Amino acid sequence: MIDREKIIRYYRATGDHEQAARILDAAEAAIRSRRFVVTEFLDPHAYSIAETVAAYEETLLLQSQGGFDTAERVRAVFVCRDFRGEAPIMVEAIGVEWDARFYQLTHRDVLGGLLALGIKRGLIGDILMIPGGCQILVDPSVRPFLLQELQRLGAATVKTKSIALSELQLRPETVKEIRSTVASLRLDSVAAAGFGVSRTQMAEEIQSEKVKVNWKDAKNPAQNVKAGDVISFRGRGRVEIVEITGQTKKGRTGVLLKRYM
């Protein structure tokens, strides 16, 4: 049985209790209906909350929908084990094109343009940047609106069209293993080693709010990180701390990292 108060109390300590409450509402609605309930798009940290909630209730199965297997933002689908049907796919895609000779738009430009139209972040999944455009995963309810209203992104005029999920242009993810030593397990120190920049530069990037830890905004350069944490750096990919390998004779800390690009 889901212990709602216990789960909310746990996530209140990390400031995630409001999101936990919304995810709990979805799980409890699935139990009441004895069918299924689909959440909004969640980042990996929020999806881990859904996994925690599902672990408390044996009558629920947890599935994910992101449009493709390696999607970062996915919808959690709570399905009652007694339900004999299948939850429908609640993810659709649109393609957006602009003249690449004159405009070099970024993921941030695209997301900002969508939010400026009044689209809730939870209705937007991954945004895949491709040459001369992008492909956006969205909730089916907003697809017709975007096809009609999304005409500009910043100064760029854009064209939109519906595309099938099978038409998504997925870029192969490159993984690089990095073994290094750091002065401490401070965020700026470990991130600098993982992304190949100076500690001073990384501290500046963190202060500029370009870095997240476990998909939450980094607090400050001095915050500690640990094995299992994921550090994402806007425009540069992400680094997973795989293992803390011990102390060197000079008192530095060994780390094994995986950088995803």
C-alpha atoms as a PDB file:
ATOM      1  CA  MET A   1       0.000   0.000   0.000  1.00  0.00           C
ATOM      2  CA  ILE A   2       1.309   3.435  -0.892  1.00  0.00           C
ATOM      3  CA  ASP A   3       2.351   5.337   2.227  1.00  0.00           C
ATOM      4  CA  ARG A   4       1.651   8.803   0.861  1.00  0.00           C
ATOM      5  CA  GLU A   5       2.742  10.738   3.930  1.00  0.00           C
ATOM      6  CA  LYS A   6       6.012   8.845   4.225  1.00  0.00           C
ATOM      7  CA  ILE A   7       6.913   9.484   0.583  1.00  0.00           C
ATOM      8  CA  ILE A   8       6.025  13.177   0.730  1.00  0.00           C
ATOM      9  CA  ARG A   9       7.936  13.575   3.988  1.00  0.00           C
ATOM     10  CA  TYR A  10      11.016  12.001   2.399  1.00  0.00           C
ATOM     11  CA  TYR A  11      10.930  14.251  -0.668  1.00  0.00           C
ATOM     12  CA  ARG A  12      10.175  17.368   1.373  1.00  0.00           C
ATOM     13  CA  ALA A  13      13.762  17.209   2.596  1.00  0.00           C
ATOM     14  CA  THR A  14      15.003  17.640  -0.981  1.00  0.00           C
ATOM     15  CA  GLY A  15      12.356  20.166  -2.030  1.00  0.00           C
ATOM     16  CA  ASP A  16      10.643  17.695  -4.373  1.00  0.00           C
ATOM     17  CA  HIS A  17       7.501  17.117  -2.294  1.00  0.00           C
ATOM     18  CA  GLU A  18       5.156  19.001  -4.658  1.00  0.00           C
ATOM     19  CA  GLN A  19       6.252  16.929  -7.632  1.00  0.00           C
ATOM     20  CA  ALA A  20       6.060  13.773  -5.523  1.00  0.00           C
ATOM     21  CA  ALA A  21       2.485  14.699  -4.584  1.00  0.00           C
ATOM     22  CA  ARG A  22       1.490  15.061  -8.257  1.00  0.00           C
ATOM     23  CA  ILE A  23       3.034  11.708  -9.115  1.00  0.00           C
ATOM     24  CA  LEU A  24       1.283  10.114  -6.133  1.00  0.00           C
ATOM     25  CA  ASP A  25      -2.025  11.570  -7.352  1.00  0.00           C
ATOM     26  CA  ALA A  26      -1.513   9.822 -10.701  1.00  0.00           C
ATOM     27  CA  ALA A  27      -0.646   6.493  -9.075  1.00  0.00           C
ATOM     28  CA  GLU A  28      -3.636   6.622  -6.762  1.00  0.00           C
ATOM     29  CA  ALA A  29      -5.931   7.534  -9.667  1.00  0.00           C
ATOM     30  CA  ALA A  30      -4.731   4.431 -11.528  1.00  0.00           C
ATOM     31  CA  ILE A  31      -5.528   2.287  -8.479  1.00  0.00           C
ATOM     32  CA  ARG A  32      -9.012   3.776  -8.158  1.00  0.00           C
ATOM     33  CA  SER A  33      -9.837   3.397 -11.847  1.00  0.00           C
ATOM     34  CA  ARG A  34      -8.235  -0.073 -12.058  1.00  0.00           C
ATOM     35  CA  ARG A  35      -6.914   1.004 -15.463  1.00  0.00           C
ATOM     36  CA  PHE A  36      -3.970   3.309 -16.140  1.00  0.00           C
ATOM     37  CA  VAL A  37      -2.904   6.936 -15.737  1.00  0.00           C
ATOM     38  CA  VAL A  38      -0.221   8.753 -17.731  1.00  0.00           C
ATOM     39  CA  THR A  39       1.758  11.586 -16.129  1.00  0.00           C
ATOM     40  CA  GLU A  40       3.227  14.634 -17.831  1.00  0.00           C
ATOM     41  CA  PHE A  41       6.741  14.386 -19.246  1.00  0.00           C
ATOM     42  CA  LEU A  42       9.241  13.894 -16.416  1.00  0.00           C
ATOM     43  CA  ASP A  43      12.986  14.416 -16.278  1.00  0.00           C
ATOM     44  CA  PRO A  44      15.064  11.454 -15.033  1.00  0.00           C
ATOM     45  CA  HIS A  45      15.022  12.689 -11.449  1.00  0.00           C
ATOM     46  CA  ALA A  46      11.240  12.976 -11.409  1.00  0.00           C
ATOM     47  CA  TYR A  47      10.904   9.568 -13.061  1.00  0.00           C
ATOM     48  CA  SER A  48      12.948   8.113 -10.199  1.00  0.00           C
ATOM     49  CA  ILE A  49      10.219   9.444  -7.886  1.00  0.00           C
ATOM     50  CA  ALA A  50       7.655   7.531  -9.953  1.00  0.00           C
ATOM     51  CA  GLU A  51       9.786   4.409  -9.539  1.00  0.00           C
ATOM     52  CA  THR A  52       9.778   4.907  -5.768  1.00  0.00           C
ATOM     53  CA  VAL A  53       6.007   5.316  -5.736  1.00  0.00           C
ATOM     54  CA  ALA A  54       5.472   2.185  -7.861  1.00  0.00           C
ATOM     55  CA  ALA A  55       7.719   0.177  -5.554  1.00  0.00           C
ATOM     56  CA  TYR A  56       5.284   0.818  -2.691  1.00  0.00           C
ATOM     57  CA  GLU A  57       2.261  -0.618  -4.515  1.00  0.00           C
ATOM     58  CA  GLU A  58       2.201  -4.228  -5.728  1.00  0.00           C
ATOM     59  CA  THR A  59      -0.982  -3.686  -7.726  1.00  0.00           C
ATOM     60  CA  LEU A  60       0.752  -1.200 -10.061  1.00  0.00           C
ATOM     61  CA  LEU A  61       3.100  -1.643 -12.988  1.00  0.00           C
ATOM     62  CA  LEU A  62       5.249   1.266 -14.144  1.00  0.00           C
ATOM     63  CA  GLN A  63       5.951   1.895 -17.820  1.00  0.00           C
ATOM     64  CA  SER A  64       7.558   4.813 -19.614  1.00  0.00           C
ATOM     65  CA  GLN A  65       6.779   6.647 -22.853  1.00  0.00           C
ATOM     66  CA  GLY A  66       9.270   9.043 -24.393  1.00  0.00           C
ATOM     67  CA  GLY A  67       8.895   8.448 -28.109  1.00  0.00           C
ATOM     68  CA  PHE A  68      12.124   6.444 -28.405  1.00  0.00           C
ATOM     69  CA  ASP A  69      14.048   4.015 -26.236  1.00  0.00           C
ATOM     70  CA  THR A  70      16.760   6.373 -24.985  1.00  0.00           C
ATOM     71  CA  ALA A  71      14.571   9.437 -24.409  1.00  0.00           C
ATOM     72  CA  GLU A  72      15.622  11.532 -21.428  1.00  0.00           C
ATOM     73  CA  ARG A  73      12.217  13.079 -20.716  1.00  0.00           C
ATOM     74  CA  VAL A  74       9.513  10.426 -20.481  1.00  0.00           C
ATOM     75  CA  ARG A  75       5.943  10.041 -19.288  1.00  0.00           C
ATOM     76  CA  ALA A  76       5.373   7.649 -16.424  1.00  0.00           C
ATOM     77  CA  VAL A  77       2.472   5.270 -17.012  1.00  0.00           C
ATOM     78  CA  PHE A  78       0.972   3.675 -13.904  1.00  0.00           C
ATOM     79  CA  VAL A  79      -0.947   0.572 -14.994  1.00  0.00           C
ATOM     80  CA  CYS A  80      -3.145  -1.501 -12.707  1.00  0.00           C
ATOM     81  CA  ARG A  81      -2.057  -5.141 -12.887  1.00  0.00           C
ATOM     82  CA  ASP A  82      -5.688  -6.184 -13.370  1.00  0.00           C
ATOM     83  CA  PHE A  83      -6.034  -4.039 -16.490  1.00  0.00           C
ATOM     84  CA  ARG A  84      -6.157  -6.326 -19.547  1.00  0.00           C
ATOM     85  CA  GLY A  85      -5.718  -3.716 -22.239  1.00  0.00           C
ATOM     86  CA  GLU A  86      -2.740  -1.586 -23.247  1.00  0.00           C
ATOM     87  CA  ALA A  87      -2.151   2.036 -22.372  1.00  0.00           C
ATOM     88  CA  PRO A  88      -2.161   4.126 -25.585  1.00  0.00           C
ATOM     89  CA  ILE A  89       1.011   5.906 -26.682  1.00  0.00           C
ATOM     90  CA  MET A  90       0.595   9.491 -25.492  1.00  0.00           C
ATOM     91  CA  VAL A  91       3.579  10.929 -27.348  1.00  0.00           C
ATOM     92  CA  GLU A  92       3.589  12.518 -30.789  1.00  0.00           C
ATOM     93  CA  ALA A  93       6.247  14.350 -32.780  1.00  0.00           C
ATOM     94  CA  ILE A  94       6.495  17.440 -34.941  1.00  0.00           C
ATOM     95  CA  GLY A  95       9.325  18.489 -37.212  1.00  0.00           C
ATOM     96  CA  VAL A  96      10.502  22.106 -37.351  1.00  0.00           C
ATOM     97  CA  GLU A  97      12.662  23.567 -40.118  1.00  0.00           C
ATOM     98  CA  TRP A  98      14.463  26.902 -40.534  1.00  0.00           C
ATOM     99  CA  ASP A  99      17.014  28.337 -42.957  1.00  0.00           C
ATOM    100  CA  ALA A 100      20.350  27.154 -41.562  1.00  0.00           C
ATOM    101  CA  ARG A 101      22.223  29.612 -43.789  1.00  0.00           C
ATOM    102  CA  PHE A 102      21.055  32.480 -41.620  1.00  0.00           C
ATOM    103  CA  TYR A 103      20.050  31.005 -38.257  1.00  0.00           C
ATOM    104  CA  GLN A 104      21.858  28.709 -35.841  1.00  0.00           C
ATOM    105  CA  LEU A 105      19.230  27.927 -33.235  1.00  0.00           C
ATOM    106  CA  THR A 106      19.967  25.956 -30.095  1.00  0.00           C
ATOM    107  CA  HIS A 107      17.940  23.632 -27.878  1.00  0.00           C
ATOM    108  CA  ARG A 108      17.475  26.561 -25.507  1.00  0.00           C
ATOM    109  CA  ASP A 109      16.118  28.771 -28.317  1.00  0.00           C
ATOM    110  CA  VAL A 110      13.568  26.132 -29.277  1.00  0.00           C
ATOM    111  CA  LEU A 111      12.432  25.439 -25.722  1.00  0.00           C
ATOM    112  CA  GLY A 112      12.158  29.167 -25.002  1.00  0.00           C
ATOM    113  CA  GLY A 113      10.004  29.641 -28.087  1.00  0.00           C
ATOM    114  CA  LEU A 114       7.663  26.844 -27.052  1.00  0.00           C
ATOM    115  CA  LEU A 115       7.282  28.187 -23.532  1.00  0.00           C
ATOM    116  CA  ALA A 116       6.670  31.691 -24.923  1.00  0.00           C
ATOM    117  CA  LEU A 117       3.620  30.275 -26.706  1.00  0.00           C
ATOM    118  CA  GLY A 118       2.226  29.240 -23.332  1.00  0.00           C
ATOM    119  CA  ILE A 119       3.006  25.522 -23.625  1.00  0.00           C
ATOM    120  CA  LYS A 120       3.566  23.921 -20.225  1.00  0.00           C
ATOM    121  CA  ARG A 121       6.980  22.287 -19.802  1.00  0.00           C
ATOM    122  CA  GLY A 122       5.297  19.047 -18.775  1.00  0.00           C
ATOM    123  CA  LEU A 123       3.700  18.757 -22.228  1.00  0.00           C
ATOM    124  CA  ILE A 124       7.084  18.814 -23.974  1.00  0.00           C
ATOM    125  CA  GLY A 125       9.388  15.820 -24.159  1.00  0.00           C
ATOM    126  CA  ASP A 126      12.833  15.662 -25.721  1.00  0.00           C
ATOM    127  CA  ILE A 127      13.892  18.160 -28.372  1.00  0.00           C
ATOM    128  CA  LEU A 128      16.186  16.579 -30.957  1.00  0.00           C
ATOM    129  CA  MET A 129      18.379  19.065 -32.786  1.00  0.00           C
ATOM    130  CA  ILE A 130      19.081  18.116 -36.414  1.00  0.00           C
ATOM    131  CA  PRO A 131      20.708  20.007 -39.329  1.00  0.00           C
ATOM    132  CA  GLY A 132      18.477  22.937 -40.236  1.00  0.00           C
ATOM    133  CA  GLY A 133      15.818  22.176 -37.677  1.00  0.00           C
ATOM    134  CA  CYS A 134      14.644  20.031 -34.804  1.00  0.00           C
ATOM    135  CA  GLN A 135      12.154  17.333 -33.879  1.00  0.00           C
ATOM    136  CA  ILE A 136       9.984  17.851 -30.817  1.00  0.00           C
ATOM    137  CA  LEU A 137       8.204  15.177 -28.759  1.00  0.00           C
ATOM    138  CA  VAL A 138       4.943  16.488 -27.357  1.00  0.00           C
ATOM    139  CA  ASP A 139       1.667  15.574 -25.732  1.00  0.00           C
ATOM    140  CA  PRO A 140      -0.935  14.853 -28.452  1.00  0.00           C
ATOM    141  CA  SER A 141      -3.143  17.676 -27.136  1.00  0.00           C
ATOM    142  CA  VAL A 142      -0.673  20.405 -28.127  1.00  0.00           C
ATOM    143  CA  ARG A 143       0.401  19.077 -31.533  1.00  0.00           C
ATOM    144  CA  PRO A 144      -2.403  20.800 -33.527  1.00  0.00           C
ATOM    145  CA  PHE A 145      -1.751  24.086 -31.722  1.00  0.00           C
ATOM    146  CA  LEU A 146       1.969  24.000 -32.468  1.00  0.00           C
ATOM    147  CA  LEU A 147       1.400  23.117 -36.118  1.00  0.00           C
ATOM    148  CA  GLN A 148      -0.750  26.219 -36.456  1.00  0.00           C
ATOM    149  CA  GLU A 149       0.884  28.706 -34.102  1.00  0.00           C
ATOM    150  CA  LEU A 150       4.606  27.915 -34.122  1.00  0.00           C
ATOM    151  CA  GLN A 151       5.754  30.191 -36.939  1.00  0.00           C
ATOM    152  CA  ARG A 152       8.849  31.843 -35.461  1.00  0.00           C
ATOM    153  CA  LEU A 153      11.635  30.964 -33.081  1.00  0.00           C
ATOM    154  CA  GLY A 154      13.392  34.164 -32.132  1.00  0.00           C
ATOM    155  CA  ALA A 155      14.146  35.991 -35.390  1.00  0.00           C
ATOM    156  CA  ALA A 156      13.848  32.829 -37.483  1.00  0.00           C
ATOM    157  CA  THR A 157      10.777  31.972 -39.516  1.00  0.00           C
ATOM    158  CA  VAL A 158      10.041  28.256 -39.175  1.00  0.00           C
ATOM    159  CA  LYS A 159       7.933  25.612 -40.872  1.00  0.00           C
ATOM    160  CA  THR A 160       6.299  22.766 -38.976  1.00  0.00           C
ATOM    161  CA  LYS A 161       4.882  19.401 -39.911  1.00  0.00           C
ATOM    162  CA  SER A 162       3.673  16.237 -38.216  1.00  0.00           C
ATOM    163  CA  ILE A 163       6.112  13.342 -38.290  1.00  0.00           C
ATOM    164  CA  ALA A 164       5.829   9.715 -37.231  1.00  0.00           C
ATOM    165  CA  LEU A 165       7.911   8.482 -34.308  1.00  0.00           C
ATOM    166  CA  SER A 166       9.661   6.191 -36.789  1.00  0.00           C
ATOM    167  CA  GLU A 167      10.976   9.314 -38.579  1.00  0.00           C
ATOM    168  CA  LEU A 168      12.919  10.589 -35.577  1.00  0.00           C
ATOM    169  CA  GLN A 169      16.566  11.210 -36.425  1.00  0.00           C
ATOM    170  CA  LEU A 170      18.357   9.783 -33.417  1.00  0.00           C
ATOM    171  CA  ARG A 171      22.010  10.660 -33.038  1.00  0.00           C
ATOM    172  CA  PRO A 172      24.170   7.801 -31.754  1.00  0.00           C
ATOM    173  CA  GLU A 173      25.369   8.598 -28.259  1.00  0.00           C
ATOM    174  CA  THR A 174      29.123   8.524 -27.735  1.00  0.00           C
ATOM    175  CA  VAL A 175      30.398   7.361 -24.353  1.00  0.00           C
ATOM    176  CA  LYS A 176      33.914   8.120 -23.168  1.00  0.00           C
ATOM    177  CA  GLU A 177      35.392   6.577 -20.025  1.00  0.00           C
ATOM    178  CA  ILE A 178      37.556   8.932 -17.975  1.00  0.00           C
ATOM    179  CA  ARG A 179      39.849   8.030 -15.097  1.00  0.00           C
ATOM    180  CA  SER A 180      41.164  11.014 -13.213  1.00  0.00           C
ATOM    181  CA  THR A 181      42.144  12.331  -9.811  1.00  0.00           C
ATOM    182  CA  VAL A 182      40.602  15.391  -8.199  1.00  0.00           C
ATOM    183  CA  ALA A 183      41.517  17.538  -5.231  1.00  0.00           C
ATOM    184  CA  SER A 184      38.108  16.877  -3.659  1.00  0.00           C
ATOM    185  CA  LEU A 185      34.615  15.718  -4.514  1.00  0.00           C
ATOM    186  CA  ARG A 186      33.426  19.281  -4.990  1.00  0.00           C
ATOM    187  CA  LEU A 187      31.186  19.714  -8.006  1.00  0.00           C
ATOM    188  CA  ASP A 188      33.494  22.159  -9.780  1.00  0.00           C
ATOM    189  CA  SER A 189      36.477  19.836  -9.368  1.00  0.00           C
ATOM    190  CA  VAL A 190      34.787  16.660 -10.612  1.00  0.00           C
ATOM    191  CA  ALA A 191      32.888  18.401 -13.422  1.00  0.00           C
ATOM    192  CA  ALA A 192      36.083  20.085 -14.630  1.00  0.00           C
ATOM    193  CA  ALA A 193      37.749  16.674 -14.904  1.00  0.00           C
ATOM    194  CA  GLY A 194      34.777  15.172 -16.700  1.00  0.00           C
ATOM    195  CA  PHE A 195      34.251  17.948 -19.239  1.00  0.00           C
ATOM    196  CA  GLY A 196      37.914  18.762 -19.788  1.00  0.00           C
ATOM    197  CA  VAL A 197      37.869  22.406 -18.682  1.00  0.00           C
ATOM    198  CA  SER A 198      39.608  24.327 -15.914  1.00  0.00           C
ATOM    199  CA  ARG A 199      38.143  24.345 -12.436  1.00  0.00           C
ATOM    200  CA  THR A 200      37.862  28.140 -12.600  1.00  0.00           C
ATOM    201  CA  GLN A 201      35.866  27.982 -15.830  1.00  0.00           C
ATOM    202  CA  MET A 202      33.613  25.261 -14.464  1.00  0.00           C
ATOM    203  CA  ALA A 203      32.902  27.298 -11.336  1.00  0.00           C
ATOM    204  CA  GLU A 204      31.852  30.203 -13.582  1.00  0.00           C
ATOM    205  CA  GLU A 205      29.577  27.924 -15.621  1.00  0.00           C
ATOM    206  CA  ILE A 206      27.951  26.638 -12.431  1.00  0.00           C
ATOM    207  CA  GLN A 207      27.372  30.191 -11.218  1.00  0.00           C
ATOM    208  CA  SER A 208      25.818  30.958 -14.623  1.00  0.00           C
ATOM    209  CA  GLU A 209      23.272  28.163 -14.009  1.00  0.00           C
ATOM    210  CA  LYS A 210      24.472  26.034 -16.924  1.00  0.00           C
ATOM    211  CA  VAL A 211      25.117  22.938 -14.801  1.00  0.00           C
ATOM    212  CA  LYS A 212      22.700  20.474 -13.202  1.00  0.00           C
ATOM    213  CA  VAL A 213      23.261  17.599 -10.783  1.00  0.00           C
ATOM    214  CA  ASN A 214      20.789  14.745 -11.181  1.00  0.00           C
ATOM    215  CA  TRP A 215      18.748  17.058 -13.424  1.00  0.00           C
ATOM    216  CA  LYS A 216      18.340  19.677 -10.710  1.00  0.00           C
ATOM    217  CA  ASP A 217      20.042  23.070 -10.832  1.00  0.00           C
ATOM    218  CA  ALA A 218      23.447  22.939  -9.161  1.00  0.00           C
ATOM    219  CA  LYS A 219      23.493  24.775  -5.832  1.00  0.00           C
ATOM    220  CA  ASN A 220      27.015  26.142  -6.027  1.00  0.00           C
ATOM    221  CA  PRO A 221      30.523  25.078  -7.122  1.00  0.00           C
ATOM    222  CA  ALA A 222      31.367  23.788  -3.642  1.00  0.00           C
ATOM    223  CA  GLN A 223      28.546  21.266  -3.301  1.00  0.00           C
ATOM    224  CA  ASN A 224      29.728  17.685  -2.910  1.00  0.00           C
ATOM    225  CA  VAL A 225      28.942  14.949  -5.411  1.00  0.00           C
ATOM    226  CA  LYS A 226      29.092  11.175  -5.053  1.00  0.00           C
ATOM    227  CA  ALA A 227      29.119   7.936  -7.010  1.00  0.00           C
ATOM    228  CA  GLY A 228      25.942   7.566  -9.045  1.00  0.00           C
ATOM    229  CA  ASP A 229      25.413  11.296  -9.536  1.00  0.00           C
ATOM    230  CA  VAL A 230      24.921  12.656 -13.049  1.00  0.00           C
ATOM    231  CA  ILE A 231      26.304  16.088 -13.919  1.00  0.00           C
ATOM    232  CA  SER A 232      24.847  17.726 -17.029  1.00  0.00           C
ATOM    233  CA  PHE A 233      26.419  20.766 -18.676  1.00  0.00           C
ATOM    234  CA  ARG A 234      24.286  22.727 -21.142  1.00  0.00           C
ATOM    235  CA  GLY A 235      25.477  22.086 -24.687  1.00  0.00           C
ATOM    236  CA  ARG A 236      28.250  19.705 -23.579  1.00  0.00           C
ATOM    237  CA  GLY A 237      26.410  16.507 -22.621  1.00  0.00           C
ATOM    238  CA  ARG A 238      26.546  14.820 -19.245  1.00  0.00           C
ATOM    239  CA  VAL A 239      28.990  13.014 -16.979  1.00  0.00           C
ATOM    240  CA  GLU A 240      28.142  10.094 -14.716  1.00  0.00           C
ATOM    241  CA  ILE A 241      30.260   9.462 -11.643  1.00  0.00           C
ATOM    242  CA  VAL A 242      30.652   5.702 -11.887  1.00  0.00           C
ATOM    243  CA  GLU A 243      33.014   5.044  -8.998  1.00  0.00           C
ATOM    244  CA  ILE A 244      35.175   6.734  -6.395  1.00  0.00           C
ATOM    245  CA  THR A 245      38.374   4.698  -6.725  1.00  0.00           C
ATOM    246  CA  GLY A 246      40.212   5.791  -3.580  1.00  0.00           C
ATOM    247  CA  GLN A 247      42.975   8.082  -2.377  1.00  0.00           C
ATOM    248  CA  THR A 248      46.356   8.565  -4.012  1.00  0.00           C
ATOM    249  CA  LYS A 249      49.593   8.902  -2.039  1.00  0.00           C
ATOM    250  CA  LYS A 250      49.375  12.645  -2.576  1.00  0.00           C
ATOM    251  CA  GLY A 251      45.911  12.815  -1.024  1.00  0.00           C
ATOM    252  CA  ARG A 252      43.929  13.245  -4.212  1.00  0.00           C
ATOM    253  CA  THR A 253      40.726  11.312  -4.883  1.00  0.00           C
ATOM    254  CA  GLY A 254      40.493   8.922  -7.808  1.00  0.00           C
ATOM    255  CA  VAL A 255      37.294   8.929  -9.870  1.00  0.00           C
ATOM    256  CA  LEU A 256      35.950   6.837 -12.722  1.00  0.00           C
ATOM    257  CA  LEU A 257      33.637   8.873 -14.947  1.00  0.00           C
ATOM    258  CA  LYS A 258      31.573   8.240 -18.055  1.00  0.00           C
ATOM    259  CA  ARG A 259      30.970  11.160 -20.354  1.00  0.00           C
ATOM    260  CA  TYR A 260      27.970  10.971 -22.675  1.00  0.00           C
ATOM    261  CA  MET A 261      28.187  13.206 -25.751  1.00  0.00           C
END
